């Protein structure tokens, strides 16, 4: 969106240059107009560079978030599996007899 706005402002600035070159202005000298237009062009170029840097930075952040999401999903799945295993390995309400342990081993298998 910023890039589109900058493109539109660049066109407006180009139209202003052409308009001032052909018509001139009684309020300012041509040198003052030219200097002001040059300043505006420099500011526009600076903003374009900043937007490009911001875009690259945001792309990097987006890639890092994607990696985080993938790792988070993997860790969440592993945690769920471990919790299930722990729950299955808990001794039941029975006394920890040999028969109860054999039954639990059979269930786990």
N, C-alpha and C. Protein backbone atom coordinates (compact mmCIF):
# COMPACT_ATOMS: atom_id res chain seq x y z
N UNK A 1 0.83 -1.18 0.00
CA UNK A 1 0.00 0.00 0.00
C UNK A 1 0.88 1.25 0.00
N UNK A 2 1.93 1.22 0.84
CA UNK A 2 2.85 2.36 0.86
C UNK A 2 3.51 2.56 -0.49
N UNK A 3 3.88 1.45 -1.12
CA UNK A 3 4.52 1.56 -2.43
C UNK A 3 3.57 2.17 -3.45
N UNK A 4 2.30 1.79 -3.40
CA UNK A 4 1.31 2.35 -4.32
C UNK A 4 1.12 3.85 -4.06
N UNK A 5 1.08 4.22 -2.79
CA UNK A 5 0.94 5.65 -2.46
C UNK A 5 2.16 6.43 -2.93
N UNK A 6 3.35 5.85 -2.75
CA UNK A 6 4.56 6.53 -3.21
C UNK A 6 4.58 6.68 -4.72
N UNK A 7 4.10 5.68 -5.42
CA UNK A 7 4.04 5.77 -6.88
C UNK A 7 3.09 6.89 -7.30
N UNK A 8 1.95 6.99 -6.63
CA UNK A 8 1.00 8.06 -6.93
C UNK A 8 1.61 9.42 -6.62
N UNK A 9 2.30 9.54 -5.50
CA UNK A 9 2.94 10.83 -5.15
C UNK A 9 4.06 11.17 -6.13
N UNK A 10 4.75 10.16 -6.62
CA UNK A 10 5.81 10.40 -7.61
C UNK A 10 5.20 10.97 -8.89
N UNK A 11 4.07 10.40 -9.29
CA UNK A 11 3.40 10.92 -10.49
C UNK A 11 2.97 12.37 -10.27
N UNK A 12 2.42 12.64 -9.08
CA UNK A 12 1.98 14.00 -8.76
C UNK A 12 3.17 14.95 -8.79
N UNK A 13 4.29 14.52 -8.25
CA UNK A 13 5.49 15.34 -8.24
C UNK A 13 6.00 15.59 -9.66
N UNK A 14 5.96 14.57 -10.51
CA UNK A 14 6.36 14.73 -11.91
C UNK A 14 5.44 15.72 -12.63
N UNK A 15 4.13 15.61 -12.36
CA UNK A 15 3.18 16.55 -12.97
C UNK A 15 3.45 17.98 -12.50
N UNK A 16 3.80 18.13 -11.23
CA UNK A 16 4.12 19.45 -10.69
C UNK A 16 5.35 20.02 -11.37
N UNK A 17 6.36 19.19 -11.55
CA UNK A 17 7.57 19.64 -12.26
C UNK A 17 7.23 20.14 -13.65
N UNK A 18 6.43 19.35 -14.37
CA UNK A 18 6.07 19.73 -15.74
C UNK A 18 5.23 21.00 -15.75
N UNK A 19 4.32 21.10 -14.81
CA UNK A 19 3.46 22.27 -14.73
C UNK A 19 4.26 23.52 -14.44
N UNK A 20 5.18 23.44 -13.49
CA UNK A 20 5.99 24.60 -13.13
C UNK A 20 6.97 24.95 -14.24
N UNK A 21 7.46 23.95 -14.95
CA UNK A 21 8.40 24.20 -16.04
C UNK A 21 7.70 24.93 -17.19
N UNK A 22 6.45 24.57 -17.43
CA UNK A 22 5.75 25.19 -18.56
C UNK A 22 5.07 26.50 -18.19
N UNK A 23 4.53 26.61 -16.97
CA UNK A 23 3.76 27.79 -16.58
C UNK A 23 4.54 28.78 -15.74
N UNK A 24 5.36 28.26 -14.86
CA UNK A 24 6.04 29.15 -13.93
C UNK A 24 5.07 29.61 -12.87
N UNK A 25 5.55 30.44 -11.95
CA UNK A 25 4.69 30.95 -10.88
C UNK A 25 5.14 32.35 -10.54
N UNK A 26 4.18 33.21 -10.32
CA UNK A 26 4.50 34.59 -9.98
C UNK A 26 4.95 34.70 -8.53
N UNK A 27 4.59 33.74 -7.70
CA UNK A 27 4.90 33.80 -6.28
C UNK A 27 6.36 33.48 -5.99
N UNK A 28 6.96 32.59 -6.75
CA UNK A 28 8.33 32.19 -6.48
C UNK A 28 9.15 32.29 -7.77
N UNK A 29 10.44 32.45 -7.56
CA UNK A 29 11.34 32.47 -8.72
C UNK A 29 11.51 31.05 -9.23
N UNK A 30 11.86 30.89 -10.48
CA UNK A 30 12.07 29.54 -11.03
C UNK A 30 13.16 28.78 -10.26
N UNK A 31 14.18 29.52 -9.78
CA UNK A 31 15.25 28.85 -9.03
C UNK A 31 14.71 28.30 -7.71
N UNK A 32 13.87 29.07 -7.02
CA UNK A 32 13.29 28.63 -5.75
C UNK A 32 12.37 27.43 -5.98
N UNK A 33 11.61 27.48 -7.06
CA UNK A 33 10.72 26.35 -7.38
C UNK A 33 11.54 25.10 -7.67
N UNK A 34 12.58 25.27 -8.44
CA UNK A 34 13.44 24.14 -8.80
C UNK A 34 14.09 23.55 -7.56
N UNK A 35 14.55 24.41 -6.65
CA UNK A 35 15.17 23.94 -5.41
C UNK A 35 14.16 23.18 -4.56
N UNK A 36 12.95 23.70 -4.45
CA UNK A 36 11.91 23.04 -3.65
C UNK A 36 11.53 21.68 -4.27
N UNK A 37 11.42 21.63 -5.57
CA UNK A 37 11.11 20.37 -6.24
C UNK A 37 12.24 19.36 -6.03
N UNK A 38 13.48 19.82 -6.08
CA UNK A 38 14.61 18.93 -5.83
C UNK A 38 14.57 18.37 -4.42
N UNK A 39 14.22 19.22 -3.45
CA UNK A 39 14.10 18.77 -2.07
C UNK A 39 13.01 17.71 -1.94
N UNK A 40 11.88 17.95 -2.60
CA UNK A 40 10.78 16.99 -2.56
C UNK A 40 11.20 15.66 -3.19
N UNK A 41 11.94 15.72 -4.28
CA UNK A 41 12.41 14.49 -4.94
C UNK A 41 13.36 13.72 -4.03
N UNK A 42 14.25 14.44 -3.35
CA UNK A 42 15.17 13.79 -2.42
C UNK A 42 14.41 13.14 -1.27
N UNK A 43 13.41 13.84 -0.73
CA UNK A 43 12.61 13.28 0.35
C UNK A 43 11.86 12.04 -0.13
N UNK A 44 11.32 12.10 -1.35
CA UNK A 44 10.60 10.96 -1.91
C UNK A 44 11.55 9.77 -2.07
N UNK A 45 12.74 10.01 -2.60
CA UNK A 45 13.72 8.93 -2.77
C UNK A 45 14.11 8.32 -1.43
N UNK A 46 14.26 9.16 -0.41
CA UNK A 46 14.59 8.67 0.92
C UNK A 46 13.47 7.78 1.46
N UNK A 47 12.25 8.22 1.26
CA UNK A 47 11.11 7.43 1.73
C UNK A 47 11.02 6.11 0.96
N UNK A 48 11.27 6.14 -0.33
CA UNK A 48 11.25 4.91 -1.13
C UNK A 48 12.28 3.92 -0.59
N UNK A 49 13.47 4.43 -0.26
CA UNK A 49 14.51 3.56 0.30
C UNK A 49 14.09 2.99 1.66
N UNK A 50 13.49 3.83 2.49
CA UNK A 50 13.04 3.37 3.80
C UNK A 50 11.95 2.30 3.67
N UNK A 51 11.05 2.49 2.73
CA UNK A 51 9.99 1.50 2.50
C UNK A 51 10.61 0.19 2.02
N UNK A 52 11.60 0.24 1.16
CA UNK A 52 12.26 -0.97 0.68
C UNK A 52 12.94 -1.70 1.84
N UNK A 53 13.60 -0.95 2.72
CA UNK A 53 14.23 -1.57 3.89
C UNK A 53 13.18 -2.17 4.82
N UNK A 54 12.09 -1.46 5.02
CA UNK A 54 11.00 -1.96 5.86
C UNK A 54 10.41 -3.24 5.28
N UNK A 55 10.25 -3.26 3.97
CA UNK A 55 9.69 -4.44 3.30
C UNK A 55 10.61 -5.64 3.50
N UNK A 56 11.91 -5.44 3.34
CA UNK A 56 12.88 -6.54 3.54
C UNK A 56 12.85 -7.01 5.00
N UNK A 57 12.79 -6.07 5.92
CA UNK A 57 12.75 -6.41 7.34
C UNK A 57 11.47 -7.17 7.67
N UNK A 58 10.35 -6.73 7.14
CA UNK A 58 9.08 -7.41 7.40
C UNK A 58 9.08 -8.81 6.80
N UNK A 59 9.72 -8.98 5.65
CA UNK A 59 9.81 -10.31 5.03
C UNK A 59 10.59 -11.25 5.94
N UNK A 60 11.68 -10.74 6.51
CA UNK A 60 12.48 -11.53 7.43
C UNK A 60 11.67 -11.91 8.67
N UNK A 61 10.94 -10.97 9.22
CA UNK A 61 10.10 -11.24 10.39
C UNK A 61 9.03 -12.27 10.04
N UNK A 62 8.44 -12.16 8.87
CA UNK A 62 7.41 -13.11 8.45
C UNK A 62 7.99 -14.52 8.35
N UNK A 63 9.18 -14.65 7.80
CA UNK A 63 9.82 -15.96 7.70
C UNK A 63 10.11 -16.53 9.08
N UNK A 64 10.56 -15.68 10.00
CA UNK A 64 10.82 -16.14 11.37
C UNK A 64 9.55 -16.59 12.06
N UNK A 65 8.44 -15.87 11.84
CA UNK A 65 7.17 -16.27 12.44
C UNK A 65 6.69 -17.60 11.86
N UNK A 66 6.89 -17.80 10.56
CA UNK A 66 6.50 -19.08 9.96
C UNK A 66 7.29 -20.22 10.59
N UNK A 67 8.59 -20.02 10.77
CA UNK A 67 9.43 -21.04 11.41
C UNK A 67 8.95 -21.28 12.84
N UNK A 68 8.64 -20.22 13.56
CA UNK A 68 8.14 -20.35 14.93
C UNK A 68 6.84 -21.16 14.96
N UNK A 69 5.92 -20.83 14.06
CA UNK A 69 4.64 -21.55 14.02
C UNK A 69 4.84 -23.04 13.76
N UNK A 70 5.74 -23.36 12.83
CA UNK A 70 6.01 -24.77 12.53
C UNK A 70 6.59 -25.50 13.75
N UNK A 71 7.56 -24.88 14.38
CA UNK A 71 8.20 -25.49 15.55
C UNK A 71 7.20 -25.59 16.70
N UNK A 72 6.40 -24.56 16.89
CA UNK A 72 5.39 -24.58 17.96
C UNK A 72 4.40 -25.73 17.75
N UNK A 73 3.95 -25.92 16.52
CA UNK A 73 3.01 -27.01 16.24
C UNK A 73 3.66 -28.36 16.54
N UNK A 74 4.91 -28.50 16.17
CA UNK A 74 5.62 -29.76 16.43
C UNK A 74 5.77 -30.01 17.94
N UNK A 75 6.17 -28.99 18.67
CA UNK A 75 6.34 -29.12 20.12
C UNK A 75 4.99 -29.39 20.79
N UNK A 76 3.96 -28.74 20.33
CA UNK A 76 2.62 -28.96 20.90
C UNK A 76 2.18 -30.41 20.68
N UNK A 77 2.41 -30.93 19.50
CA UNK A 77 2.06 -32.32 19.23
C UNK A 77 2.86 -33.28 20.11
N UNK A 78 4.15 -33.02 20.23
CA UNK A 78 4.99 -33.87 21.08
C UNK A 78 4.53 -33.82 22.53
N UNK A 79 4.18 -32.65 23.01
CA UNK A 79 3.71 -32.49 24.38
C UNK A 79 2.42 -33.28 24.61
N UNK A 80 1.53 -33.20 23.64
CA UNK A 80 0.28 -33.95 23.74
C UNK A 80 0.56 -35.45 23.79
N UNK A 81 1.48 -35.92 22.97
CA UNK A 81 1.84 -37.34 22.98
C UNK A 81 2.44 -37.76 24.33
N UNK A 82 3.34 -36.93 24.84
CA UNK A 82 3.96 -37.25 26.13
C UNK A 82 2.93 -37.27 27.25
N UNK A 83 2.02 -36.31 27.24
CA UNK A 83 0.99 -36.28 28.26
C UNK A 83 0.11 -37.53 28.17
N UNK A 84 -0.20 -37.96 26.97
CA UNK A 84 -0.99 -39.17 26.79
C UNK A 84 -0.23 -40.38 27.33
N UNK A 85 1.05 -40.47 27.01
CA UNK A 85 1.87 -41.59 27.50
C UNK A 85 1.94 -41.59 29.03
N UNK A 86 2.14 -40.44 29.61
CA UNK A 86 2.21 -40.34 31.06
C UNK A 86 0.89 -40.78 31.68
N UNK A 87 -0.21 -40.34 31.05
CA UNK A 87 -1.53 -40.71 31.55
C UNK A 87 -1.73 -42.22 31.47
N UNK A 88 -1.26 -42.83 30.40
CA UNK A 88 -1.41 -44.28 30.23
C UNK A 88 -0.52 -45.06 31.18
N UNK A 89 0.58 -44.48 31.58
CA UNK A 89 1.54 -45.18 32.44
C UNK A 89 1.21 -45.06 33.93
N UNK A 90 0.27 -44.20 34.27
CA UNK A 90 -0.10 -44.05 35.69
C UNK A 90 -0.71 -45.36 36.18
N UNK A 91 -0.33 -45.79 37.36
CA UNK A 91 -0.96 -47.00 37.89
C UNK A 91 -2.43 -46.71 38.18
N UNK A 92 -3.24 -47.68 37.90
CA UNK A 92 -4.66 -47.50 38.14
C UNK A 92 -4.92 -47.49 39.64
N UNK A 93 -6.17 -47.39 40.03
CA UNK A 93 -6.52 -47.33 41.45
C UNK A 93 -6.16 -48.61 42.18
N UNK A 94 -5.86 -49.67 41.44
CA UNK A 94 -5.52 -50.95 42.08
C UNK A 94 -4.15 -50.85 42.72
N UNK A 95 -3.90 -51.80 43.58
CA UNK A 95 -2.58 -51.89 44.18
C UNK A 95 -1.62 -52.32 43.08
N UNK A 96 -0.40 -51.86 43.12
CA UNK A 96 0.57 -52.16 42.07
C UNK A 96 1.03 -53.61 42.19
N UNK A 97 0.16 -54.51 41.77
CA UNK A 97 0.49 -55.93 41.83
C UNK A 97 1.11 -56.36 40.52
N UNK A 98 1.64 -57.54 40.51
CA UNK A 98 2.24 -58.08 39.30
C UNK A 98 1.19 -58.21 38.21
N UNK A 99 0.01 -58.65 38.58
CA UNK A 99 -1.07 -58.80 37.60
C UNK A 99 -1.48 -57.45 37.01
N UNK A 100 -1.57 -56.42 37.86
CA UNK A 100 -1.93 -55.08 37.40
C UNK A 100 -0.87 -54.53 36.45
N UNK A 101 0.39 -54.76 36.77
CA UNK A 101 1.47 -54.29 35.90
C UNK A 101 1.47 -55.03 34.57
N UNK A 102 1.18 -56.33 34.60
CA UNK A 102 1.10 -57.10 33.35
C UNK A 102 -0.04 -56.58 32.48
N UNK A 103 -1.16 -56.28 33.11
CA UNK A 103 -2.31 -55.75 32.38
C UNK A 103 -1.97 -54.39 31.74
N UNK A 104 -1.27 -53.57 32.49
CA UNK A 104 -0.87 -52.25 31.98
C UNK A 104 0.10 -52.39 30.81
N UNK A 105 1.05 -53.31 30.90
CA UNK A 105 2.01 -53.56 29.80
C UNK A 105 1.25 -54.02 28.57
N UNK A 106 0.28 -54.91 28.76
CA UNK A 106 -0.52 -55.39 27.63
C UNK A 106 -1.28 -54.24 26.98
N UNK A 107 -1.85 -53.37 27.81
CA UNK A 107 -2.59 -52.20 27.30
C UNK A 107 -1.66 -51.29 26.49
N UNK A 108 -0.49 -51.06 27.01
CA UNK A 108 0.47 -50.19 26.31
C UNK A 108 0.94 -50.80 24.99
N UNK A 109 1.08 -52.12 24.96
CA UNK A 109 1.51 -52.76 23.73
C UNK A 109 0.41 -52.65 22.69
